[in-house]
Protein backbone atom coordinates (compact mmCIF):
# COMPACT_ATOMS: atom_id res chain seq x y z
CA MET A 1 25.41 63.81 13.54
CA THR A 2 24.59 60.48 11.85
CA ALA A 3 24.79 57.49 14.19
CA PRO A 4 27.70 55.15 13.38
CA LEU A 5 26.88 51.80 11.83
CA LEU A 6 29.23 50.15 14.35
CA ASP A 7 29.17 51.52 17.89
CA ALA A 8 31.25 49.59 20.38
CA ARG A 9 33.08 49.82 23.65
CA LEU A 10 35.19 46.70 23.83
CA VAL A 11 36.13 45.72 27.37
CA VAL A 12 37.83 42.32 27.62
CA ASP A 13 39.78 40.95 30.61
CA ARG A 14 42.35 38.28 29.82
CA GLY A 15 44.41 37.55 32.91
CA ALA A 16 46.40 40.67 33.79
CA PHE A 17 45.60 42.30 30.44
CA ARG A 18 42.56 44.49 29.93
CA LEU A 19 41.32 45.87 26.60
CA ASP A 20 39.14 48.95 26.96
CA LEU A 21 38.60 50.42 23.51
CA PRO A 22 35.82 52.71 22.25
CA LEU A 23 35.22 52.20 18.54
CA ARG A 24 32.78 53.87 16.17
CA VAL A 25 32.75 53.26 12.41
CA GLY A 26 30.32 54.80 9.93
CA ALA A 27 28.65 53.19 6.91
CA GLY A 28 31.09 53.07 4.00
CA GLU A 29 34.03 53.97 6.27
CA VAL A 30 37.25 51.98 6.53
CA VAL A 31 39.09 52.28 9.84
CA ALA A 32 42.60 50.88 10.36
CA LEU A 33 43.43 49.60 13.86
CA LEU A 34 47.16 49.79 14.51
CA GLY A 35 49.36 49.08 17.51
CA PRO A 36 52.40 47.10 18.67
CA ASN A 37 52.28 43.37 19.32
CA GLY A 38 50.17 42.62 22.39
CA ALA A 39 48.28 45.92 22.20
CA GLY A 40 44.88 44.21 21.88
CA LYS A 41 44.15 44.50 18.15
CA THR A 42 43.31 40.84 17.55
CA THR A 43 41.33 40.69 20.82
CA ALA A 44 39.24 43.62 19.56
CA LEU A 45 38.59 41.90 16.25
CA ARG A 46 37.61 38.63 17.95
CA ALA A 47 35.24 40.50 20.27
CA LEU A 48 33.50 42.16 17.33
CA ALA A 49 33.19 38.82 15.52
CA GLY A 50 31.67 37.16 18.59
CA LEU A 51 34.64 34.84 19.11
CA GLN A 52 35.57 36.57 22.40
CA PRO A 53 32.71 37.61 24.71
CA LEU A 54 33.01 41.03 26.33
CA THR A 55 33.63 41.48 30.03
CA ALA A 56 31.80 44.79 29.89
CA GLY A 57 30.83 47.40 27.32
CA HIS A 58 28.77 46.80 24.18
CA VAL A 59 28.78 45.99 20.48
CA VAL A 60 25.94 47.56 18.47
CA VAL A 61 25.57 47.14 14.69
CA ASP A 62 22.81 48.99 12.85
CA GLY A 63 21.17 49.74 16.19
CA VAL A 64 21.05 46.06 17.20
CA ASP A 65 22.84 44.86 20.35
CA LEU A 66 25.19 41.99 19.57
CA ASP A 67 27.00 41.92 22.89
CA ARG A 68 26.06 43.76 26.10
CA PRO A 69 27.11 41.81 29.21
CA GLY A 70 25.30 44.19 31.56
CA HIS A 71 21.97 43.15 29.98
CA GLY A 72 22.83 39.49 29.41
CA ARG A 73 22.81 39.99 25.63
CA TRP A 74 25.17 37.99 23.39
CA VAL A 75 24.64 36.99 19.75
CA PRO A 76 26.74 34.04 18.50
CA PRO A 77 29.12 34.59 15.54
CA GLU A 78 26.99 32.78 12.95
CA ARG A 79 24.04 35.08 13.65
CA ARG A 80 26.02 38.31 13.35
CA ARG A 81 26.13 40.21 10.05
CA VAL A 82 29.88 40.29 10.36
CA GLY A 83 32.35 39.01 7.76
CA VAL A 84 35.93 38.15 8.69
CA VAL A 85 39.07 37.80 6.57
CA PHE A 86 41.61 36.05 8.78
CA GLN A 87 45.36 36.58 8.51
CA ASP A 88 45.95 33.01 7.31
CA TYR A 89 42.64 33.06 5.36
CA LEU A 90 41.51 29.75 7.00
CA LEU A 91 39.94 28.39 3.83
CA PHE A 92 38.55 24.88 4.07
CA PRO A 93 41.23 22.77 2.35
CA HIS A 94 38.80 20.03 1.22
CA LEU A 95 36.37 22.46 -0.45
CA SER A 96 36.68 24.19 -3.82
CA ALA A 97 36.98 27.96 -4.01
CA ARG A 98 33.29 28.17 -4.95
CA ASP A 99 32.18 25.99 -2.05
CA ASN A 100 34.37 27.96 0.36
CA VAL A 101 32.56 31.14 -0.70
CA ALA A 102 29.17 29.39 -0.63
CA PHE A 103 29.69 28.16 2.94
CA GLY A 104 28.48 31.36 4.61
CA PRO A 105 25.33 31.77 2.52
CA ARG A 106 24.50 28.10 3.19
CA ARG A 107 24.78 28.76 6.93
CA GLN A 108 22.42 31.68 6.46
CA GLY A 109 19.78 29.32 5.03
CA LEU A 110 20.25 29.53 1.25
CA ASP A 111 19.82 26.26 -0.59
CA ARG A 112 22.84 24.70 -2.27
CA ARG A 113 22.06 26.02 -5.75
CA ALA A 114 21.40 29.60 -4.66
CA ALA A 115 24.50 29.66 -2.44
CA ARG A 116 26.67 28.40 -5.30
CA GLU A 117 25.22 31.01 -7.66
CA ARG A 118 26.03 33.74 -5.17
CA ALA A 119 29.54 32.32 -4.71
CA THR A 120 30.10 32.25 -8.47
CA GLY A 121 29.10 35.91 -8.66
CA TRP A 122 31.54 36.90 -5.94
CA LEU A 123 34.38 34.95 -7.52
CA GLU A 124 33.72 36.88 -10.72
CA ARG A 125 33.86 40.17 -8.80
CA VAL A 126 37.28 39.36 -7.35
CA GLY A 127 38.60 38.21 -10.72
CA LEU A 128 38.63 34.47 -10.05
CA ALA A 129 35.80 33.21 -12.24
CA GLY A 130 38.09 30.58 -13.78
CA TYR A 131 39.23 29.23 -10.42
CA ALA A 132 35.89 28.12 -8.96
CA ARG A 133 36.75 24.40 -8.96
CA ARG A 134 40.24 24.77 -7.53
CA LYS A 135 40.97 23.89 -3.94
CA PRO A 136 43.02 26.19 -1.67
CA GLY A 137 46.18 24.15 -2.18
CA GLN A 138 46.01 24.91 -5.90
CA LEU A 139 45.81 28.70 -5.40
CA SER A 140 48.56 31.30 -5.03
CA GLY A 141 48.69 33.49 -1.91
CA GLY A 142 47.02 36.40 -3.68
CA GLN A 143 44.29 34.16 -5.10
CA ALA A 144 43.62 32.61 -1.68
CA GLN A 145 43.34 36.11 -0.18
CA ARG A 146 40.72 37.05 -2.79
CA VAL A 147 38.75 33.86 -2.15
CA ALA A 148 38.80 34.69 1.59
CA LEU A 149 37.55 38.20 0.82
CA ALA A 150 34.80 36.85 -1.43
CA ARG A 151 33.77 34.42 1.32
CA ALA A 152 33.51 37.26 3.84
CA LEU A 153 31.53 39.51 1.48
CA ALA A 154 29.19 36.75 0.29
CA VAL A 155 27.23 36.90 3.56
CA HIS A 156 26.44 40.58 2.87
CA PRO A 157 28.06 41.75 6.12
CA ARG A 158 27.24 45.08 7.67
CA VAL A 159 30.67 44.94 9.33
CA LEU A 160 33.75 43.58 7.54
CA LEU A 161 36.77 42.66 9.68
CA LEU A 162 40.19 42.14 8.10
CA ASP A 163 43.02 40.74 10.22
CA GLU A 164 46.39 41.53 8.57
CA PRO A 165 44.90 40.51 5.17
CA LEU A 166 48.11 41.25 3.21
CA ALA A 167 50.72 40.04 5.70
CA ALA A 168 51.23 36.60 4.11
CA LEU A 169 51.91 37.96 0.61
CA ASP A 170 55.23 38.68 -1.07
CA ALA A 171 56.06 42.28 -1.96
CA ARG A 172 54.87 42.19 -5.59
CA THR A 173 51.65 40.29 -4.87
CA ARG A 174 50.99 42.57 -1.90
CA LEU A 175 51.10 45.68 -4.07
CA GLU A 176 48.67 44.25 -6.62
CA THR A 177 46.34 42.79 -3.99
CA ARG A 178 46.31 46.04 -1.98
CA ALA A 179 44.99 47.88 -5.06
CA GLN A 180 42.29 45.24 -5.61
CA LEU A 181 41.35 45.28 -1.92
CA HIS A 182 41.03 49.07 -2.02
CA ARG A 183 38.56 48.77 -4.89
CA HIS A 184 36.39 46.25 -3.04
CA LEU A 185 36.47 48.22 0.22
CA SER A 186 35.43 51.37 -1.64
CA ALA A 187 32.38 49.51 -2.99
CA HIS A 188 31.41 48.07 0.41
CA ASP A 189 28.54 50.05 1.93
CA GLY A 190 29.01 48.68 5.46
CA ALA A 191 31.63 49.43 8.09
CA ALA A 192 35.12 47.96 7.68
CA LEU A 193 37.84 47.50 10.28
CA LEU A 194 41.36 46.68 9.11
CA VAL A 195 43.86 45.33 11.66
CA THR A 196 47.41 45.89 10.42
CA HIS A 197 51.02 46.51 11.43
CA ASP A 198 51.85 48.15 8.12
CA PRO A 199 51.42 51.94 7.92
CA LEU A 200 51.39 51.74 4.11
CA ASP A 201 48.38 49.42 4.19
CA ALA A 202 46.67 51.69 6.69
CA VAL A 203 47.24 54.89 4.72
CA ALA A 204 46.35 53.29 1.36
CA LEU A 205 43.19 51.53 2.52
CA ALA A 206 41.72 53.40 5.48
CA ASP A 207 39.81 56.64 5.92
CA ARG A 208 40.81 56.91 9.57
CA LEU A 209 43.47 55.46 11.85
CA VAL A 210 42.88 54.23 15.40
CA ILE A 211 46.03 53.55 17.46
CA VAL A 212 45.85 51.21 20.46
CA GLU A 213 48.63 50.52 22.97
CA ASP A 214 48.40 48.37 26.12
CA GLY A 215 44.70 47.89 25.50
CA ARG A 216 43.92 51.63 25.36
CA LEU A 217 43.14 54.14 22.62
CA VAL A 218 46.09 56.54 22.39
CA GLN A 219 45.37 58.43 19.17
CA GLU A 220 42.91 58.56 16.27
CA GLY A 221 42.30 60.66 13.19
CA ASP A 222 42.89 60.71 9.49
CA ALA A 223 46.35 59.80 8.20
CA ALA A 224 47.43 63.42 7.75
CA ALA A 225 46.54 64.35 11.33
CA VAL A 226 48.14 61.29 12.92
CA THR A 227 51.35 61.46 10.90
CA ALA A 228 51.74 65.22 11.46
CA ARG A 229 51.23 65.08 15.24
CA PRO A 230 52.13 61.68 16.76
CA ARG A 231 51.44 61.40 20.48
CA THR A 232 53.42 58.31 21.49
CA ASP A 233 56.82 56.81 20.65
CA TYR A 234 55.11 53.94 18.82
CA VAL A 235 53.19 56.29 16.54
CA ALA A 236 56.29 58.40 15.93
CA ARG A 237 58.29 55.33 14.89
CA LEU A 238 55.38 54.19 12.74
CA VAL A 239 55.36 57.42 10.76
CA GLY A 240 59.15 57.86 10.81
CA LEU A 241 59.63 60.83 13.14
CA ASN A 242 61.79 61.61 16.15
CA LEU A 243 59.42 62.54 19.03
CA TYR A 244 60.14 64.18 22.39
CA ARG A 245 58.02 65.65 25.16
CA GLY A 246 58.81 68.70 27.23
CA HIS A 247 57.62 72.11 28.40
CA ALA A 248 57.27 74.90 25.87
CA ASP A 249 57.76 78.63 26.35
CA GLY A 250 57.10 80.29 23.03
CA HIS A 251 59.38 78.91 20.33
CA ARG A 252 61.54 76.86 22.72
CA VAL A 253 60.76 73.45 24.21
CA ARG A 254 62.78 72.28 27.22
CA LEU A 255 62.98 68.50 27.44
CA ALA A 256 63.17 66.41 30.59
CA ASP A 257 66.91 65.78 30.20
CA GLY A 258 67.66 69.50 30.05
CA VAL A 259 68.05 69.85 26.28
CA THR A 260 66.18 72.77 24.74
CA LEU A 261 64.94 72.62 21.14
CA ALA A 262 63.92 75.65 19.10
CA SER A 263 60.91 75.38 16.79
CA VAL A 264 59.07 77.50 14.27
CA ASP A 265 55.84 76.84 16.17
CA ARG A 266 54.84 78.86 19.21
CA VAL A 267 53.47 76.75 22.08
CA ASP A 268 53.08 77.35 25.80
CA GLY A 269 52.85 74.55 28.37
CA ASP A 270 53.36 70.81 27.96
CA ALA A 271 54.29 70.06 24.38
CA PHE A 272 55.54 67.50 21.90
CA VAL A 273 58.32 68.31 19.46
CA VAL A 274 59.08 66.28 16.32
CA PHE A 275 61.43 66.25 13.35
CA PRO A 276 62.22 63.66 10.64
CA PRO A 277 65.49 61.70 10.57
CA ALA A 278 66.28 63.31 7.22
CA ALA A 279 66.42 66.71 8.98
CA VAL A 280 69.29 65.63 11.23
CA ALA A 281 72.72 66.70 10.00
CA LEU A 282 75.93 65.20 11.42
CA HIS A 283 79.12 67.21 11.98
CA PRO A 284 82.60 66.32 13.22
CA HIS A 285 82.60 69.40 15.47
CA ARG A 286 80.00 71.72 16.94
CA PRO A 287 78.40 73.45 13.91
CA GLU A 288 78.62 77.19 13.48
CA GLY A 289 75.97 79.38 11.91
CA SER A 290 72.32 78.69 11.21
CA PRO A 291 71.44 75.41 13.02
CA ARG A 292 69.90 76.46 16.34
CA ASN A 293 69.54 72.92 17.72
CA ALA A 294 72.85 71.08 18.19
CA TRP A 295 74.12 68.53 20.68
CA PRO A 296 76.96 66.00 21.05
CA ALA A 297 76.08 62.38 20.25
CA THR A 298 77.56 58.91 19.92
CA VAL A 299 76.87 56.56 17.00
CA ALA A 300 75.07 53.52 18.43
CA GLY A 301 74.30 51.67 15.20
CA LEU A 302 73.79 51.88 11.45
CA GLN A 303 71.33 50.09 9.20
CA ARG A 304 70.17 50.43 5.62
CA HIS A 305 66.91 52.38 5.27
CA GLY A 306 65.72 52.75 1.67
CA ASP A 307 68.31 54.68 -0.32
CA HIS A 308 70.00 55.96 2.84
CA LEU A 309 71.58 54.62 5.98
CA ARG A 310 69.81 55.23 9.28
CA VAL A 311 72.20 56.16 12.05
CA GLN A 312 71.03 55.61 15.63
CA LEU A 313 72.54 58.18 17.99
CA THR A 314 72.67 58.27 21.76
CA GLY A 315 73.64 61.07 24.10
CA ALA A 316 71.79 64.18 25.20
CA LEU A 317 69.03 62.96 22.85
CA ASP A 318 68.45 59.49 21.44
CA VAL A 319 67.77 60.26 17.79
CA ALA A 320 67.61 58.65 14.35
CA ALA A 321 69.38 60.36 11.46
CA ASP A 322 69.25 59.46 7.77
CA VAL A 323 72.49 60.00 5.87
CA SER A 324 73.74 58.95 2.45
CA ALA A 325 75.97 55.91 1.99
CA THR A 326 78.57 58.28 0.55
CA ALA A 327 78.60 60.35 3.71
CA VAL A 328 78.98 57.22 5.86
CA ALA A 329 81.95 56.12 3.75
CA GLN A 330 83.58 59.56 3.79
CA TRP A 331 83.11 59.88 7.53
CA ARG A 332 83.90 56.23 8.18
CA LEU A 333 81.01 56.25 10.62
CA GLU A 334 80.98 53.31 13.02
CA PRO A 335 79.45 52.48 16.42
CA GLY A 336 81.10 54.37 19.26
CA GLN A 337 82.14 57.33 17.12
CA ARG A 338 81.53 60.80 18.58
CA VAL A 339 79.74 63.39 16.39
CA TRP A 340 77.60 66.50 16.67
CA ALA A 341 73.96 66.34 15.58
CA ALA A 342 72.08 69.43 14.43
CA VAL A 343 68.54 70.27 13.29
CA GLU A 344 67.34 73.55 11.84
CA ALA A 345 64.56 75.18 13.84
CA SER A 346 62.61 75.40 10.58
CA GLU A 347 62.55 71.57 10.43
CA THR A 348 61.28 71.20 14.01
CA ARG A 349 57.56 71.18 14.75
CA ALA A 350 55.98 71.63 18.18
CA TYR A 351 52.37 71.17 19.33
CA PRO A 352 50.46 70.89 22.64
CA ALA A 353 50.76 67.59 24.53
């Protein structure tokens, strides 16, 4: 197996919080790091950039130790072949776009003329050749993001770190910039780590997802694997599934609260069971016939979700159900209303915990 370009175990103690995250990224690979607020994503990025020294563990890039506390090894940020695109871009407001991009090469020892030539080339690559003389205050959000990306790539980084690079953009600009960013990441021959809260950004831009919660790795894999078999409530919400844990005996999974769900999958032992909100049907009375999973529930809340309304239900199971606005109007659904929820066994998937 080929050694990863980035090989790290990031251990950082910050008061009562500890990050302990193994991370390996290959050359040409884009990995998305996802997790709830406070999970440790930004701490991980800062540790890789050299802005947060490790408590223990290591950071190795291209076989070179950048941080290994046990051996007294620590390389400062400016000497690491690491480029960073910060969430707020952090462009120097008094410098032109070209001089912002030239800043890194100048720090690497290039003379002013050579650094500016390199910066001009990168601005052309990101489609901003005509904006070289403009200062950040004269750029749109999408243009500033591209200048920040050019600045990060101009130092020829072996590792590219992107901290929520699309978060500050409006919906239309975000869509266009995501496509441009995908093109540049595909051409980057180093390792790239994308920190994001947005599953769409992760799926569109990354080859692999790494999920961190409370400073720990909880799940990783390609988008198809993670979305098909979430292993925590956070991941299930991220990919839009109802998730429960119980004990399976063949095609039936008994949950902790005593509810038993039937599934098409055969599993024995501890198991997860999932189904999408769109698979949940609501009935005024206990349904007869084909649905094998049914339970009484109470409407806890309603909110618009795309073309449907998402109904939050409490009761034997806390569950999200997607129903049409027409159905809500016909039913006159409102918080506190009692209903029956049902899911076909064919819509329910189970897998080992």
